[in-house]
Amino acid sequence: MKTLTKLICSLLLASGFVQAQTIITGKVVNYKNKAVSGAELYLDSTATQVTTNKSGEYTLVVPENVKTLKVHSNKYGWLSSAFAKETKMDFMYLDTASATDKSLTPPNGLKPEKDKTTVSYRTIYDMMRGRIAGVTVQQDNTIIIRGINSIRNNSEPLFIVDGNVVTSIDFIVPNEVLSINVLKDAEASIYGSRGASGVIVIKLKK
């Protein structure tokens, strides 16, 4: 009887614990839509020890209050996406080497390693605000690239971090930034319609 009671209590506790979590599945592929195996999943900035299988697939238990899912591949680098309690999230690495190479010596951007005050900025938005020609960072941290001939010129630009498309740059710590480059018009055309509002290319220190 005592054993049965313990079992029931354990099941109830487990049930309550599971309800506070989300089980998520997904797949990680490269720019050729080929599976990326061995990529590790992160919850915010915490490693989970969960990696993708040979098919690029993963299953992950996500606790409450997690805001970001990240993927790291030794070959392809980082991907990040905001988490809104989805039960399926796929990630794709893009082949953006040409844009990333440009970020090393940005014609219109920022190279923080030459700025000794970089560590004083609390967020990447503070670091960018008023310091990159043609870029407006509003009080709510919305970024607008000025001078773009597009009906979407009030939309935020596309964000590329270390060659990967990300939905947000909130996770970036200012002193981790190697360079920031701004692409627009013809330069941003390699990204198609997604680059219509410009592209912010960020390279992080290794």
Protein backbone atom coordinates (compact mmCIF):
# COMPACT_ATOMS: atom_id res chain seq x y z
CA MET A 1 0.00 0.00 0.00
CA LYS A 2 2.82 2.38 0.90
CA THR A 3 4.52 1.57 -2.39
CA LEU A 4 1.33 2.34 -4.31
CA THR A 5 0.93 5.65 -2.45
CA LYS A 6 4.52 6.65 -3.25
CA LEU A 7 3.95 5.75 -6.89
CA ILE A 8 0.80 7.88 -7.10
CA CYS A 9 2.55 10.83 -5.44
CA SER A 10 5.44 10.51 -7.85
CA LEU A 11 3.10 10.48 -10.82
CA LEU A 12 1.25 13.54 -9.54
CA LEU A 13 4.49 15.43 -9.00
CA ALA A 14 5.73 14.42 -12.42
CA SER A 15 2.46 15.50 -13.97
CA GLY A 16 2.69 18.93 -12.36
CA PHE A 17 6.29 19.27 -13.47
CA VAL A 18 5.52 18.37 -17.07
CA GLN A 19 2.67 20.86 -17.20
CA ALA A 20 5.18 23.62 -16.46
CA GLN A 21 7.25 22.64 -19.47
CA THR A 22 6.95 22.45 -23.23
CA ILE A 23 8.23 19.55 -25.30
CA ILE A 24 9.54 20.88 -28.57
CA THR A 25 10.79 19.09 -31.68
CA GLY A 26 12.49 20.38 -34.77
CA LYS A 27 15.18 20.05 -37.39
CA VAL A 28 18.40 21.91 -38.15
CA VAL A 29 19.55 22.16 -41.78
CA ASN A 30 22.17 24.09 -43.74
CA TYR A 31 21.64 26.43 -46.69
CA LYS A 32 21.39 23.41 -49.02
CA ASN A 33 18.60 21.99 -46.86
CA LYS A 34 20.92 19.19 -45.70
CA ALA A 35 20.68 17.92 -42.14
CA VAL A 36 23.12 19.39 -39.60
CA SER A 37 24.00 16.68 -37.09
CA GLY A 38 25.70 17.19 -33.75
CA ALA A 39 24.40 20.75 -33.29
CA GLU A 40 23.80 21.56 -29.63
CA LEU A 41 20.64 23.21 -28.30
CA TYR A 42 20.76 26.04 -25.76
CA LEU A 43 18.00 27.47 -23.56
CA ASP A 44 18.76 31.19 -23.44
CA SER A 45 22.51 30.92 -22.77
CA THR A 46 22.46 27.54 -20.99
CA ALA A 47 23.71 24.41 -22.75
CA THR A 48 21.23 21.51 -22.66
CA GLN A 49 23.56 18.69 -23.76
CA VAL A 50 20.87 17.87 -26.34
CA THR A 51 22.26 17.56 -29.88
CA THR A 52 20.71 16.92 -33.26
CA ASN A 53 20.82 13.38 -34.64
CA LYS A 54 22.07 12.26 -38.06
CA SER A 55 18.85 13.56 -39.61
CA GLY A 56 19.33 16.97 -37.97
CA GLU A 57 16.36 16.36 -35.67
CA TYR A 58 16.06 17.06 -31.97
CA THR A 59 13.59 16.79 -29.10
CA LEU A 60 13.91 19.17 -26.19
CA VAL A 61 12.06 19.84 -22.94
CA VAL A 62 11.79 23.59 -22.39
CA PRO A 63 10.97 24.91 -18.90
CA GLU A 64 8.83 27.95 -18.27
CA ASN A 65 10.36 31.44 -18.55
CA VAL A 66 12.78 30.47 -21.34
CA LYS A 67 12.80 33.28 -23.90
CA THR A 68 15.29 32.12 -26.51
CA LEU A 69 16.33 28.88 -28.18
CA LYS A 70 19.81 28.76 -29.66
CA VAL A 71 21.61 26.25 -31.82
CA HIS A 72 25.38 25.91 -32.10
CA SER A 73 27.22 23.93 -34.73
CA ASN A 74 31.01 23.74 -34.78
CA LYS A 75 30.86 23.97 -38.57
CA TYR A 76 28.16 26.59 -39.09
CA GLY A 77 28.11 28.67 -35.91
CA TRP A 78 25.14 30.07 -33.99
CA LEU A 79 21.43 30.46 -34.68
CA SER A 80 18.95 32.06 -32.30
CA SER A 81 15.18 32.38 -32.23
CA ALA A 82 12.71 33.81 -29.75
CA PHE A 83 10.65 31.11 -28.02
CA ALA A 84 6.89 31.61 -27.66
CA LYS A 85 5.92 28.13 -26.42
CA GLU A 86 5.90 26.59 -29.88
CA THR A 87 5.99 22.80 -30.05
CA LYS A 88 8.01 22.74 -33.27
CA MET A 89 10.93 24.94 -34.29
CA ASP A 90 13.18 24.39 -37.30
CA PHE A 91 16.47 26.18 -37.89
CA MET A 92 18.28 26.87 -41.17
CA TYR A 93 21.81 28.15 -41.67
CA LEU A 94 22.25 30.46 -44.64
CA ASP A 95 25.28 30.78 -46.90
CA THR A 96 26.07 34.45 -46.31
CA ALA A 97 29.86 34.35 -46.40
CA SER A 98 30.10 37.29 -48.76
CA ALA A 99 28.17 39.58 -46.44
CA THR A 100 30.08 38.32 -43.41
CA ASP A 101 33.41 39.00 -45.07
CA LYS A 102 32.33 42.59 -45.70
CA SER A 103 31.65 43.05 -42.00
CA LEU A 104 35.37 42.72 -41.24
CA THR A 105 36.04 46.15 -42.74
CA PRO A 106 32.63 47.84 -42.80
CA PRO A 107 32.33 50.89 -45.08
CA ASN A 108 29.25 51.94 -43.15
CA GLY A 109 29.32 50.43 -39.72
CA LEU A 110 31.17 50.06 -36.46
CA LYS A 111 34.33 48.31 -35.25
CA PRO A 112 34.02 48.29 -31.44
CA GLU A 113 37.52 46.90 -30.81
CA LYS A 114 38.85 50.37 -31.64
CA ASP A 115 36.51 51.96 -29.11
CA LYS A 116 37.78 51.65 -25.53
CA THR A 117 34.36 52.66 -24.17
CA THR A 118 32.51 49.67 -25.64
CA VAL A 119 32.28 47.85 -22.31
CA SER A 120 30.34 50.75 -20.83
CA TYR A 121 27.30 50.07 -23.02
CA ARG A 122 24.57 48.07 -21.34
CA THR A 123 23.01 46.74 -24.54
CA ILE A 124 23.92 46.44 -28.19
CA TYR A 125 21.25 49.02 -28.93
CA ASP A 126 23.01 51.55 -26.69
CA MET A 127 26.25 50.80 -28.51
CA MET A 128 24.66 51.39 -31.93
CA ARG A 129 22.52 54.39 -31.02
CA GLY A 130 23.81 57.52 -32.72
CA ARG A 131 27.10 55.89 -33.75
CA ILE A 132 26.34 54.39 -37.18
CA ALA A 133 25.64 56.72 -40.08
CA GLY A 134 22.20 56.27 -41.61
CA VAL A 135 20.89 54.12 -38.77
CA THR A 136 18.27 55.21 -36.26
CA VAL A 137 17.83 53.26 -33.01
CA GLN A 138 14.61 54.41 -31.39
CA GLN A 139 13.88 54.50 -27.67
CA ASP A 140 12.04 51.17 -27.86
CA ASN A 141 15.17 49.68 -29.53
CA THR A 142 13.50 49.48 -32.94
CA ILE A 143 16.18 49.87 -35.63
CA ILE A 144 15.48 51.69 -38.91
CA ILE A 145 17.94 52.14 -41.76
CA ARG A 146 17.31 55.52 -43.35
CA GLY A 147 17.28 56.25 -47.06
CA ILE A 148 15.88 52.92 -48.26
CA ASN A 149 13.59 53.12 -51.28
CA SER A 150 11.04 50.60 -50.14
CA ILE A 151 7.41 50.54 -49.13
CA ARG A 152 8.69 48.65 -46.09
CA ASN A 153 11.07 51.40 -45.02
CA ASN A 154 9.42 51.54 -41.60
CA SER A 155 10.18 47.87 -40.97
CA GLU A 156 13.17 46.61 -39.06
CA PRO A 157 16.14 45.34 -41.07
CA LEU A 158 17.17 41.74 -41.45
CA PHE A 159 19.68 40.71 -38.76
CA ILE A 160 22.65 38.50 -39.67
CA VAL A 161 24.93 37.37 -36.83
CA ASP A 162 28.06 35.42 -37.78
CA GLY A 163 26.46 34.57 -41.12
CA ASN A 164 23.15 33.39 -39.65
CA VAL A 165 19.73 35.01 -39.77
CA VAL A 166 18.38 35.77 -36.29
CA THR A 167 15.04 37.19 -35.24
CA SER A 168 16.50 39.36 -32.48
CA ILE A 169 19.86 40.74 -31.38
CA ASP A 170 18.82 41.14 -27.74
CA PHE A 171 21.13 38.29 -26.71
CA ILE A 172 24.31 40.02 -27.92
CA VAL A 173 26.61 41.47 -25.28
CA PRO A 174 28.32 44.68 -26.53
CA ASN A 175 31.87 43.63 -25.70
CA GLU A 176 31.39 40.43 -27.73
CA VAL A 177 30.93 42.42 -30.97
CA LEU A 178 33.79 42.47 -33.47
CA SER A 179 32.06 44.54 -36.14
CA ILE A 180 28.69 45.81 -37.34
CA ASN A 181 28.00 46.50 -40.99
CA VAL A 182 24.97 48.08 -42.65
CA LEU A 183 23.80 46.87 -46.06
CA LYS A 184 21.06 48.45 -48.13
CA ASP A 185 19.75 48.68 -51.66
CA ALA A 186 22.02 46.72 -54.06
CA GLU A 187 24.18 45.31 -51.25
CA ALA A 188 21.11 43.94 -49.46
CA SER A 189 19.61 42.49 -52.63
CA ILE A 190 21.37 39.14 -52.10
CA TYR A 191 18.81 38.51 -49.35
CA GLY A 192 15.84 39.11 -51.67
CA SER A 193 12.66 40.59 -50.21
CA ARG A 194 13.86 39.95 -46.66
CA GLY A 195 16.53 42.60 -47.15
CA ALA A 196 14.09 45.22 -48.42
CA SER A 197 14.43 47.21 -45.20
CA GLY A 198 18.19 46.80 -45.12
CA VAL A 199 20.47 44.33 -43.43
CA ILE A 200 22.48 44.61 -40.20
CA VAL A 201 25.47 42.26 -40.36
CA ILE A 202 27.12 41.59 -36.99
CA LYS A 203 30.29 39.59 -36.47
CA LEU A 204 31.10 38.38 -32.96
CA LYS A 205 34.51 37.81 -31.46
CA LYS A 206 35.61 34.19 -31.43
